[in-house]
Amino acid sequence: MGKAAKQNRTVARRLKGFRDITAADLLARDRMITRIREVYERYGFTPLETPALEYADVLGKFLPDADRPDAGIFSFRDEDDEWIALRYDLTAPLSRYVAMNPNLPRPFRRYQVGPVYRVEKPGPDRFREFYQSDFDSVGTNSMLADAECCMVMCDTLSALGIAAGEYIIRVNDRKVLNGVLEKVAAAKTMPEATSLNILRSIDKLDRVGLVGVRELLGPGRRDESGDFTRGLGLEPDQIDLLMAYLDISTASRRGVCDELETIVRDSEVGREGVGELREIDQALTDAGYGEDRVIIDPTVVRGLAYYTGPVFEGVLTFDIVDDKGITRQFGSVFGGGRYDDLVERFTGQKMPATGASIGVDRLLAALRTLGKIDTQGTTAPVLVTRLDKSLNAQYQQMAAELRDAGINAELYVGNQGIGKQFKYASDSGKTVALVMGSDEMEKGEVSIKDLRLGDELSKEVGNDRRKWLEEQPAQFTAKRADLVKAVNDVLARYATT
């Protein structure tokens, strides 16, 4: 090939912040999403699919004083000179759909799974395209719907093999926070921006601790690197009120509500928020969801300009070691709350709504860390090898027989020898390789090779399981007539379906 031809080649490259997802991760994600859908449907939520592209103003991210939409979303102008954007979440399109379909049943209960797009700085495990899995109830202001969000979050995590004690659902109410801010403002007039900054400071509690938050609310904080963050300059009595709110340590949900009521008793909106938390607590108690799974946590701050009432956060509590060797907790994988104003943007009428969303990719990473998801990157666990081309008809029949029995089986269609076929089977994640030459054919037999046995034995497994695995044959011969049963017996060792 000439130099000019080489120079004209297109360079293979990928957009920054995007990724190619391999079979193992795709299949694991699909299996996880299937379990999530099963829980959503158990509660009566039905699927909905909305477009990936919406008008930018519909998404609510358009800046009216700028020439283009917010830099946080992918956008372009269409042939009518309208700004179009890729959806950045699944909730804004839901609100648009509800506004366009006024005759939907109330409440309208839907779930959706799909990719969303955000122009954010890429980083390790942080991408500009990622999956979310949402469920929402639109058209009800009953706290039963909010309590149910917590139940769905619990049941979803349990269905994925994450037990109580490995997660906790934290609940708060924005109205309680607003009541606290009212009391803080009563001591000294504050601009609205200060209220938002107070909430942002509270949101840093997990990272900087109570002392750090106190410093951020007051004169400022200097971190371990020496960098100084200017504080909000609140008065000592204002800070003491916020610290009393953040330092509630009562274990029971009812006890937390009692303490919150004492703090916000002079605020109407604060008392309303406490009443909502009490209703949620009662519904959870009636349904059998105790403090080992759901707590009321006054420190939860989500969606500063988004949520209007109860807010929820599902947190995984187990420790992991990050890339820098630092031990930390995995953190939040589920989040949501009540948003009663989003549909009103379109209709001018109040439309209460509540729901929650899973960060699918983050939760998948957690399941992988816990070893609770099958990471086999194959759709067919069985490979029918071709040792003798004159027996191609028999190989086709073996593959068809397995498929008819519900076992996914791949017939090797390459041109390599048996050694390379075994390597292909191993590299592609197969569990079983079938071999039949002329000798086996004459005897009416087939050789069955367990490819995962060595991999399993190399792992750190319990003594009982290791002893059991070592007793299994890595390769054996079965009657050709018993092919399906023999293959099923091997697959059953690893719960492969």
Protein backbone atom coordinates (compact mmCIF):
# COMPACT_ATOMS: atom_id res chain seq x y z
CA MET A 1 0.00 0.00 0.00
CA GLY A 2 1.37 3.41 -0.98
CA LYS A 3 2.22 6.24 1.38
CA ALA A 4 -0.64 8.40 0.12
CA ALA A 5 -3.18 5.62 0.75
CA LYS A 6 -1.94 5.21 4.31
CA GLN A 7 -2.22 8.93 4.93
CA ASN A 8 -5.85 8.88 3.78
CA ARG A 9 -6.89 6.27 6.29
CA THR A 10 -9.46 7.31 8.87
CA VAL A 11 -7.99 7.31 12.37
CA ALA A 12 -9.85 4.91 14.66
CA ARG A 13 -10.76 7.00 17.71
CA ARG A 14 -13.54 7.32 20.27
CA LEU A 15 -15.27 10.39 21.68
CA LYS A 16 -13.95 11.58 25.03
CA GLY A 17 -16.10 10.40 27.90
CA PHE A 18 -17.63 7.49 25.97
CA ARG A 19 -16.71 3.80 26.04
CA ASP A 20 -17.06 0.50 24.26
CA ILE A 21 -18.83 -2.04 26.46
CA THR A 22 -17.78 -5.66 26.08
CA ALA A 23 -20.00 -8.73 26.05
CA ALA A 24 -19.30 -9.65 29.69
CA ASP A 25 -20.38 -6.22 30.97
CA LEU A 26 -23.36 -6.00 28.61
CA LEU A 27 -24.67 -9.42 29.57
CA ALA A 28 -24.14 -8.74 33.27
CA ARG A 29 -26.00 -5.43 32.95
CA ASP A 30 -28.88 -7.08 31.07
CA ARG A 31 -29.20 -9.75 33.76
CA MET A 32 -29.21 -7.09 36.47
CA ILE A 33 -31.80 -4.97 34.64
CA THR A 34 -34.05 -8.01 34.24
CA ARG A 35 -34.12 -8.48 38.02
CA ILE A 36 -34.77 -4.77 38.54
CA ARG A 37 -37.69 -4.82 36.08
CA GLU A 38 -39.19 -7.81 37.90
CA VAL A 39 -39.31 -5.83 41.14
CA TYR A 40 -40.80 -2.75 39.48
CA GLU A 41 -43.51 -4.83 37.81
CA ARG A 42 -44.23 -6.61 41.09
CA TYR A 43 -45.40 -3.22 42.38
CA GLY A 44 -47.52 -2.50 39.30
CA PHE A 45 -45.21 -0.13 37.42
CA THR A 46 -45.47 -0.45 33.63
CA PRO A 47 -42.76 0.29 31.04
CA LEU A 48 -42.49 3.47 29.01
CA GLU A 49 -39.87 4.46 26.45
CA THR A 50 -39.28 8.11 25.57
CA PRO A 51 -36.92 9.47 22.87
CA ALA A 52 -33.26 10.11 23.54
CA LEU A 53 -33.66 13.51 21.86
CA GLU A 54 -35.94 16.27 23.16
CA TYR A 55 -36.36 19.99 22.57
CA ALA A 56 -33.82 21.66 24.85
CA ASP A 57 -36.38 23.88 26.59
CA VAL A 58 -38.51 20.80 27.33
CA LEU A 59 -35.58 19.40 29.29
CA GLY A 60 -35.49 22.62 31.29
CA LYS A 61 -31.79 23.28 30.75
CA PHE A 62 -32.00 26.19 28.32
CA LEU A 63 -30.36 29.44 29.35
CA PRO A 64 -32.57 32.24 27.92
CA ASP A 65 -29.80 34.85 28.05
CA ALA A 66 -27.31 32.71 26.12
CA ASP A 67 -26.94 31.76 22.49
CA ARG A 68 -26.97 28.04 23.18
CA PRO A 69 -28.24 25.63 25.84
CA ASP A 70 -26.45 24.90 29.08
CA ALA A 71 -22.99 23.44 28.46
CA GLY A 72 -23.97 20.47 30.62
CA ILE A 73 -26.01 18.87 27.83
CA PHE A 74 -25.29 17.72 24.29
CA SER A 75 -27.22 19.99 21.91
CA PHE A 76 -27.52 21.13 18.32
CA ARG A 77 -29.90 23.12 16.09
CA ASP A 78 -32.29 21.24 13.81
CA GLU A 79 -33.54 22.19 10.35
CA ASP A 80 -36.12 24.54 11.93
CA ASP A 81 -33.40 26.29 13.94
CA GLU A 82 -34.74 24.78 17.18
CA TRP A 83 -32.33 23.71 19.90
CA ILE A 84 -32.38 19.90 20.28
CA ALA A 85 -30.65 18.06 23.15
CA LEU A 86 -29.88 14.55 24.28
CA ARG A 87 -31.81 13.79 27.47
CA TYR A 88 -29.75 14.20 30.64
CA ASP A 89 -32.19 12.15 32.76
CA LEU A 90 -35.41 10.16 32.35
CA THR A 91 -37.63 12.36 34.52
CA ALA A 92 -37.87 15.47 32.34
CA PRO A 93 -39.09 13.41 29.33
CA LEU A 94 -41.62 11.72 31.63
CA SER A 95 -42.98 15.11 32.68
CA ARG A 96 -43.32 16.11 29.03
CA TYR A 97 -45.11 12.83 28.24
CA VAL A 98 -47.60 13.30 31.09
CA ALA A 99 -48.31 16.88 29.99
CA MET A 100 -49.01 15.67 26.43
CA ASN A 101 -51.32 12.86 27.60
CA PRO A 102 -53.85 14.37 30.01
CA ASN A 103 -56.10 11.29 29.98
CA LEU A 104 -53.55 8.94 31.56
CA PRO A 105 -54.81 7.02 34.62
CA ARG A 106 -54.01 8.71 37.92
CA PRO A 107 -51.66 7.89 39.40
CA PHE A 108 -49.64 7.09 36.30
CA ARG A 109 -46.99 4.58 37.31
CA ARG A 110 -44.19 3.89 34.89
CA TYR A 111 -40.65 2.62 34.82
CA GLN A 112 -37.97 3.21 32.21
CA VAL A 113 -34.45 1.95 31.63
CA GLY A 114 -32.14 3.68 29.19
CA PRO A 115 -29.04 5.76 28.52
CA VAL A 116 -28.73 9.44 29.45
CA TYR A 117 -26.09 11.94 28.39
CA ARG A 118 -24.25 14.71 30.24
CA VAL A 119 -21.35 16.90 29.28
CA GLU A 120 -19.32 16.38 32.44
CA LYS A 121 -15.62 16.01 33.01
CA PRO A 122 -14.77 12.36 32.34
CA GLY A 123 -12.90 10.38 34.98
CA PRO A 124 -12.42 6.85 36.28
CA ASP A 125 -15.85 5.17 36.11
CA ARG A 126 -17.39 8.52 35.14
CA PHE A 127 -18.73 8.71 31.59
CA ARG A 128 -20.83 11.06 29.48
CA GLU A 129 -23.22 8.27 28.50
CA PHE A 130 -24.58 6.05 31.25
CA TYR A 131 -27.69 4.04 32.09
CA GLN A 132 -30.43 4.91 34.53
CA SER A 133 -33.37 2.84 35.73
CA ASP A 134 -36.30 4.95 37.00
CA PHE A 135 -39.72 4.30 38.49
CA ASP A 136 -42.25 7.06 39.22
CA SER A 137 -45.80 7.65 40.39
CA VAL A 138 -47.33 10.79 38.86
CA GLY A 139 -50.64 12.27 40.02
CA THR A 140 -50.69 11.42 43.73
CA ASN A 141 -49.63 13.45 46.76
CA SER A 142 -50.08 10.50 49.14
CA MET A 143 -47.05 9.67 51.26
CA LEU A 144 -47.88 6.01 50.60
CA ALA A 145 -46.26 6.53 47.18
CA ASP A 146 -43.12 7.96 48.79
CA ALA A 147 -42.96 5.13 51.34
CA GLU A 148 -43.38 2.70 48.46
CA CYS A 149 -40.31 4.23 46.79
CA CYS A 150 -38.29 3.16 49.81
CA MET A 151 -39.82 -0.33 49.68
CA VAL A 152 -39.01 -0.71 45.98
CA MET A 153 -35.44 0.41 46.64
CA CYS A 154 -35.10 -2.19 49.41
CA ASP A 155 -36.65 -4.99 47.35
CA THR A 156 -34.54 -4.15 44.31
CA LEU A 157 -31.29 -4.31 46.24
CA SER A 158 -32.40 -7.53 47.94
CA ALA A 159 -33.30 -9.08 44.57
CA LEU A 160 -29.75 -8.34 43.42
CA GLY A 161 -28.30 -10.20 46.40
CA ILE A 162 -27.47 -7.17 48.55
CA ALA A 163 -28.66 -7.95 52.06
CA ALA A 164 -29.91 -5.67 54.82
CA GLY A 165 -26.77 -4.50 56.57
CA GLU A 166 -25.00 -4.03 53.23
CA TYR A 167 -27.27 -1.12 52.34
CA ILE A 168 -29.42 1.51 54.01
CA ILE A 169 -32.17 3.75 52.60
CA ARG A 170 -31.87 7.28 54.00
CA VAL A 171 -34.96 9.52 53.98
CA ASN A 172 -35.39 13.23 54.62
CA ASP A 173 -37.85 15.96 53.60
CA ARG A 174 -37.00 19.22 51.88
CA LYS A 175 -39.81 20.90 53.79
CA VAL A 176 -38.04 20.14 57.06
CA LEU A 177 -34.86 21.63 55.65
CA ASN A 178 -36.81 24.70 54.55
CA GLY A 179 -38.24 25.00 58.05
CA VAL A 180 -34.76 24.93 59.54
CA LEU A 181 -33.61 27.57 57.06
CA GLU A 182 -36.59 29.74 58.04
CA LYS A 183 -35.45 29.65 61.66
CA VAL A 184 -31.86 30.41 60.66
CA ALA A 185 -33.04 33.36 58.55
CA ALA A 186 -35.21 34.66 61.38
CA ALA A 187 -32.06 35.33 63.40
CA LYS A 188 -30.47 37.35 60.60
CA THR A 189 -31.77 38.38 57.18
CA MET A 190 -30.17 36.24 54.49
CA PRO A 191 -30.29 36.33 50.70
CA GLU A 192 -31.70 33.25 48.97
CA ALA A 193 -28.22 32.35 47.70
CA THR A 194 -27.07 31.93 51.30
CA SER A 195 -29.81 29.35 51.91
CA LEU A 196 -28.63 27.34 48.92
CA ASN A 197 -25.03 27.59 50.10
CA ILE A 198 -26.07 26.36 53.55
CA LEU A 199 -27.58 23.28 51.92
CA ARG A 200 -24.43 22.77 49.85
CA SER A 201 -22.36 22.93 53.04
CA ILE A 202 -24.63 20.37 54.73
CA ASP A 203 -24.26 18.13 51.68
CA LYS A 204 -20.50 17.97 52.36
CA LEU A 205 -21.01 16.43 55.82
CA ASP A 206 -19.90 12.92 54.79
CA ARG A 207 -16.65 14.33 53.40
CA VAL A 208 -15.68 16.99 55.96
CA GLY A 209 -17.56 15.95 59.12
CA LEU A 210 -19.50 18.10 61.58
CA VAL A 211 -16.46 20.22 62.45
CA GLY A 212 -15.82 20.90 58.77
CA VAL A 213 -19.44 21.89 58.15
CA ARG A 214 -19.35 24.24 61.15
CA GLU A 215 -16.25 25.89 59.67
CA LEU A 216 -17.89 26.21 56.24
CA LEU A 217 -20.92 27.84 57.83
CA GLY A 218 -18.72 30.22 59.80
CA PRO A 219 -15.34 31.77 59.00
CA GLY A 220 -14.17 29.12 56.53
CA ARG A 221 -12.22 25.89 56.32
CA ARG A 222 -8.65 24.97 55.45
CA ASP A 223 -8.31 21.42 54.15
CA GLU A 224 -5.40 19.00 54.53
CA SER A 225 -3.70 20.36 51.41
CA GLY A 226 -3.73 23.88 52.82
CA ASP A 227 -6.41 25.20 50.46
CA PHE A 228 -8.82 27.60 52.15
CA THR A 229 -12.56 27.69 51.45
CA ARG A 230 -14.24 30.91 52.49
CA GLY A 231 -17.16 30.35 54.88
CA LEU A 232 -20.67 31.76 54.85
CA GLY A 233 -20.07 33.95 57.88
CA LEU A 234 -23.20 32.91 59.82
CA GLU A 235 -23.70 34.04 63.41
CA PRO A 236 -22.88 31.54 66.21
CA ASP A 237 -26.56 31.08 67.16
CA GLN A 238 -27.44 30.32 63.53
CA ILE A 239 -24.65 27.76 63.30
CA ASP A 240 -25.68 26.18 66.63
CA LEU A 241 -29.21 25.70 65.28
CA LEU A 242 -27.91 23.97 62.15
CA MET A 243 -25.53 21.82 64.20
CA ALA A 244 -28.39 20.72 66.47
CA TYR A 245 -30.31 19.71 63.35
CA LEU A 246 -27.38 17.77 61.88
CA ASP A 247 -26.38 16.11 65.15
CA ILE A 248 -29.67 14.30 65.80
CA SER A 249 -28.56 10.85 66.94
CA THR A 250 -31.81 9.11 67.87
CA ALA A 251 -31.88 5.63 66.33
CA SER A 252 -35.60 5.21 65.70
CA ARG A 253 -37.50 6.91 62.87
CA ARG A 254 -40.15 8.06 65.32
CA GLY A 255 -37.51 9.50 67.64
CA VAL A 256 -35.91 11.47 64.81
CA CYS A 257 -39.32 12.90 63.90
CA ASP A 258 -39.86 13.94 67.52
CA GLU A 259 -36.53 15.80 67.63
CA LEU A 260 -37.12 17.41 64.24
CA GLU A 261 -40.53 18.62 65.39
CA THR A 262 -38.92 20.31 68.38
CA ILE A 263 -36.47 22.14 66.12
CA VAL A 264 -39.01 23.34 63.50
CA ARG A 265 -42.09 23.76 65.72
CA ASP A 266 -42.25 27.49 64.86
CA SER A 267 -42.24 26.83 61.09
CA GLU A 268 -45.41 25.80 59.30
CA VAL A 269 -43.56 24.27 56.35
CA GLY A 270 -41.18 22.51 58.73
CA ARG A 271 -44.05 20.95 60.68
CA GLU A 272 -45.62 19.86 57.39
CA GLY A 273 -42.39 18.11 56.45
CA VAL A 274 -42.20 16.30 59.78
CA GLY A 275 -45.82 15.18 59.29
CA GLU A 276 -44.88 13.70 55.91
CA LEU A 277 -41.96 11.83 57.46
CA ARG A 278 -44.26 10.43 60.14
CA GLU A 279 -46.65 9.15 57.46
CA ILE A 280 -43.78 7.49 55.61
CA ASP A 281 -42.53 5.92 58.85
CA GLN A 282 -45.99 4.52 59.62
CA ALA A 283 -46.39 3.03 56.13
CA LEU A 284 -42.94 1.44 56.31
CA THR A 285 -43.68 0.04 59.76
CA ASP A 286 -47.01 -1.37 58.59
CA ALA A 287 -45.28 -3.08 55.67
CA GLY A 288 -42.50 -4.53 57.83
CA TYR A 289 -39.57 -2.34 56.73
CA GLY A 290 -37.61 -1.59 59.88
CA GLU A 291 -34.71 0.69 60.80
CA ASP A 292 -32.26 -1.98 59.65
CA ARG A 293 -33.26 -1.05 56.09
CA VAL A 294 -34.78 2.45 56.12
CA ILE A 295 -33.84 5.35 58.39
CA ILE A 296 -34.78 9.02 58.59
CA ASP A 297 -31.57 11.01 58.16
CA PRO A 298 -31.73 14.83 58.43
CA THR A 299 -28.38 15.16 56.62
CA VAL A 300 -29.72 13.96 53.24
CA VAL A 301 -29.72 16.87 50.78
CA ARG A 302 -30.66 16.17 47.16
CA GLY A 303 -31.67 18.30 44.16
CA LEU A 304 -31.51 21.74 45.73
CA ALA A 305 -33.87 23.32 43.18
CA TYR A 306 -35.61 20.13 42.10
CA TYR A 307 -37.26 18.20 44.91
CA THR A 308 -40.20 19.61 46.85
CA GLY A 309 -40.83 17.10 49.66
CA PRO A 310 -39.46 13.72 50.75
CA VAL A 311 -36.06 12.72 49.35
CA PHE A 312 -34.47 9.26 49.38
CA GLU A 313 -30.99 7.90 48.96
CA GLY A 314 -29.93 4.25 48.77
CA VAL A 315 -26.40 3.81 50.12
CA LEU A 316 -24.22 0.71 50.06
CA THR A 317 -22.45 0.44 53.41
CA PHE A 318 -19.67 -2.07 52.71
CA ASP A 319 -16.04 -1.01 52.33
CA ILE A 320 -13.97 -1.10 49.15
CA VAL A 321 -10.34 -0.28 48.43
CA ASP A 322 -10.06 2.36 45.69
CA ASP A 323 -7.33 2.76 43.05
CA LYS A 324 -5.17 4.69 45.52
CA GLY A 325 -5.36 1.92 48.13
CA ILE A 326 -7.69 3.93 50.36
CA THR A 327 -10.50 2.07 52.11
CA ARG A 328 -13.87 3.77 51.76
CA GLN A 329 -17.55 2.96 51.55
CA PHE A 330 -19.06 2.36 48.13
CA GLY A 331 -21.71 5.06 48.61
CA SER A 332 -24.94 6.00 46.88
CA VAL A 333 -26.47 3.90 44.08
CA PHE A 334 -30.15 4.90 44.36
CA GLY A 335 -31.72 8.33 44.68
CA GLY A 336 -34.98 10.16 44.27
CA GLY A 337 -37.73 12.14 45.87
CA ARG A 338 -40.91 14.10 45.38
CA TYR A 339 -41.00 16.65 42.54
CA ASP A 340 -44.39 18.35 42.40
CA ASP A 341 -43.44 21.21 40.05
CA LEU A 342 -42.03 19.58 36.90
CA VAL A 343 -45.28 18.86 35.03
CA GLU A 344 -46.65 22.27 36.05
CA ARG A 345 -44.02 23.86 33.78
CA PHE A 346 -46.05 22.61 30.81
CA THR A 347 -49.65 22.70 32.05
CA GLY A 348 -49.73 25.50 34.61
CA GLN A 349 -51.48 23.09 36.97
CA LYS A 350 -50.08 21.25 39.99
CA MET A 351 -49.24 17.62 39.28
CA PRO A 352 -47.70 15.84 42.26
CA ALA A 353 -45.10 13.17 41.49
CA THR A 354 -42.51 11.04 43.23
CA GLY A 355 -39.97 8.46 42.15
CA ALA A 356 -36.42 7.18 42.29
CA SER A 357 -33.60 6.24 39.97
CA ILE A 358 -30.79 3.70 39.98
CA GLY A 359 -27.34 4.52 38.69
CA VAL A 360 -27.18 1.25 36.74
CA ASP A 361 -23.47 1.30 35.93
CA ARG A 362 -22.48 2.20 39.49
CA LEU A 363 -24.70 -0.51 40.95
CA LEU A 364 -23.26 -3.04 38.50
CA ALA A 365 -19.78 -2.13 39.70
CA ALA A 366 -20.93 -2.74 43.28
CA LEU A 367 -22.36 -6.16 42.41
CA ARG A 368 -19.11 -7.07 40.71
CA THR A 369 -17.18 -6.00 43.82
CA LEU A 370 -19.42 -8.19 45.97
CA GLY A 371 -19.13 -11.11 43.56
CA LYS A 372 -22.90 -11.19 43.20
CA ILE A 373 -23.18 -11.18 39.41
CA ASP A 374 -22.23 -13.66 36.70
CA THR A 375 -19.46 -12.09 34.62
CA GLN A 376 -19.35 -14.76 31.91
CA GLY A 377 -19.13 -12.94 28.59
CA THR A 378 -20.93 -15.48 26.42
CA THR A 379 -24.51 -16.02 25.35
CA ALA A 380 -23.87 -19.69 24.54
CA PRO A 381 -22.08 -21.73 27.24
CA VAL A 382 -21.49 -24.73 24.96
CA LEU A 383 -19.15 -25.03 21.97
CA VAL A 384 -19.54 -27.92 19.54
CA THR A 385 -16.05 -28.40 18.11
CA ARG A 386 -15.32 -29.78 14.65
CA LEU A 387 -12.59 -32.41 14.80
CA ASP A 388 -13.40 -34.12 11.49
CA LYS A 389 -14.95 -32.18 8.60
CA SER A 390 -16.56 -35.36 7.28
CA LEU A 391 -18.74 -35.34 10.41
CA ASN A 392 -20.16 -31.85 9.87
CA ALA A 393 -23.70 -33.20 9.59
CA GLN A 394 -23.38 -34.87 13.03
CA TYR A 395 -21.98 -31.66 14.54
CA GLN A 396 -24.91 -29.68 13.15
CA GLN A 397 -27.31 -32.22 14.64
CA MET A 398 -25.64 -32.03 18.07
CA ALA A 399 -25.89 -28.22 18.11
CA ALA A 400 -29.53 -28.31 16.98
CA GLU A 401 -30.42 -30.93 19.59
CA LEU A 402 -28.97 -28.80 22.37
CA ARG A 403 -30.74 -25.66 21.13
CA ASP A 404 -34.05 -27.52 20.88
CA ALA A 405 -33.57 -28.52 24.53
CA GLY A 406 -33.15 -24.85 25.51
CA ILE A 407 -29.35 -24.92 25.81
CA ASN A 408 -27.56 -22.15 23.90
CA ALA A 409 -24.88 -23.85 21.81
CA GLU A 410 -22.41 -22.51 19.27
CA LEU A 411 -21.04 -24.58 16.40
CA TYR A 412 -17.42 -23.68 15.67
CA VAL A 413 -17.39 -22.13 12.19
CA GLY A 414 -13.69 -21.26 11.94
CA ASN A 415 -10.93 -23.17 10.20
CA GLN A 416 -8.53 -23.82 13.10
CA GLY A 417 -7.44 -27.13 14.58
CA ILE A 418 -8.82 -28.61 17.79
CA GLY A 419 -6.22 -26.91 20.01
CA LYS A 420 -7.14 -23.48 18.69
CA GLN A 421 -10.82 -24.39 19.05
CA PHE A 422 -10.30 -25.12 22.75
CA LYS A 423 -8.49 -21.78 23.14
CA TYR A 424 -11.35 -20.03 21.37
CA ALA A 425 -13.83 -21.71 23.72
CA SER A 426 -11.87 -20.61 26.77
CA ASP A 427 -11.26 -17.05 25.52
CA SER A 428 -14.93 -16.57 24.70
CA GLY A 429 -16.11 -17.75 28.12
CA LYS A 430 -17.58 -21.13 27.25
CA THR A 431 -18.31 -23.62 29.98
CA VAL A 432 -18.44 -26.82 27.92
CA ALA A 433 -16.66 -28.00 24.77
CA LEU A 434 -17.95 -31.09 22.93
CA VAL A 435 -15.60 -33.30 20.93
CA MET A 436 -16.56 -36.15 18.61
CA GLY A 437 -14.16 -37.81 16.17
CA SER A 438 -14.59 -40.93 14.08
CA ASP A 439 -13.75 -43.21 17.06
CA GLU A 440 -16.43 -41.62 19.26
CA MET A 441 -18.84 -41.66 16.33
CA GLU A 442 -18.45 -45.40 15.86
CA LYS A 443 -18.97 -46.03 19.59
CA GLY A 444 -22.02 -43.73 19.76
CA GLU A 445 -20.28 -41.46 22.26
CA VAL A 446 -19.25 -37.84 22.68
CA SER A 447 -16.42 -36.39 24.77
CA ILE A 448 -17.44 -33.57 27.13
CA LYS A 449 -14.82 -31.12 28.41
CA ASP A 450 -15.53 -28.91 31.46
CA LEU A 451 -13.66 -25.69 30.67
CA ARG A 452 -14.52 -23.84 33.87
CA LEU A 453 -13.34 -26.46 36.31
CA GLY A 454 -9.75 -25.25 36.31
CA ASP A 455 -10.84 -21.63 36.61
CA GLU A 456 -13.07 -22.42 39.56
CA LEU A 457 -10.33 -24.37 41.35
CA SER A 458 -7.90 -21.46 40.90
CA LYS A 459 -10.25 -19.16 42.80
CA GLU A 460 -10.44 -18.79 46.56
CA VAL A 461 -13.41 -21.03 47.26
CA GLY A 462 -14.49 -22.66 50.49
CA ASN A 463 -12.97 -25.99 51.47
CA ASP A 464 -16.25 -27.85 50.98
CA ARG A 465 -16.78 -26.46 47.49
CA ARG A 466 -13.14 -27.08 46.53
CA LYS A 467 -13.42 -30.69 47.65
CA TRP A 468 -16.65 -31.05 45.64
CA LEU A 469 -15.10 -29.47 42.54
CA GLU A 470 -12.02 -31.67 42.72
CA GLU A 471 -14.28 -34.71 42.61
CA GLN A 472 -15.81 -33.59 39.30
CA PRO A 473 -14.27 -34.96 36.08
CA ALA A 474 -12.66 -32.31 33.86
CA GLN A 475 -13.36 -34.47 30.80
CA PHE A 476 -15.53 -37.54 30.39
CA THR A 477 -17.35 -39.55 27.79
CA ALA A 478 -21.13 -39.81 27.55
CA LYS A 479 -23.47 -41.75 25.33
CA ARG A 480 -24.49 -39.72 22.31
CA ALA A 481 -28.14 -40.38 23.18
CA ASP A 482 -27.54 -38.81 26.63
CA LEU A 483 -25.93 -35.63 25.27
CA VAL A 484 -28.50 -33.15 26.61
CA LYS A 485 -28.53 -34.63 30.12
CA ALA A 486 -24.74 -34.80 30.30
CA VAL A 487 -24.33 -31.18 29.23
CA ASN A 488 -27.04 -30.02 31.63
CA ASP A 489 -25.27 -31.82 34.49
CA VAL A 490 -22.07 -29.86 33.82
CA LEU A 491 -23.87 -26.52 33.47
CA ALA A 492 -25.71 -27.18 36.72
CA ARG A 493 -22.36 -27.20 38.57
CA TYR A 494 -22.09 -23.47 37.94
CA ALA A 495 -25.78 -22.57 37.83
CA THR A 496 -25.25 -21.62 34.17
CA THR A 497 -28.43 -21.13 32.16
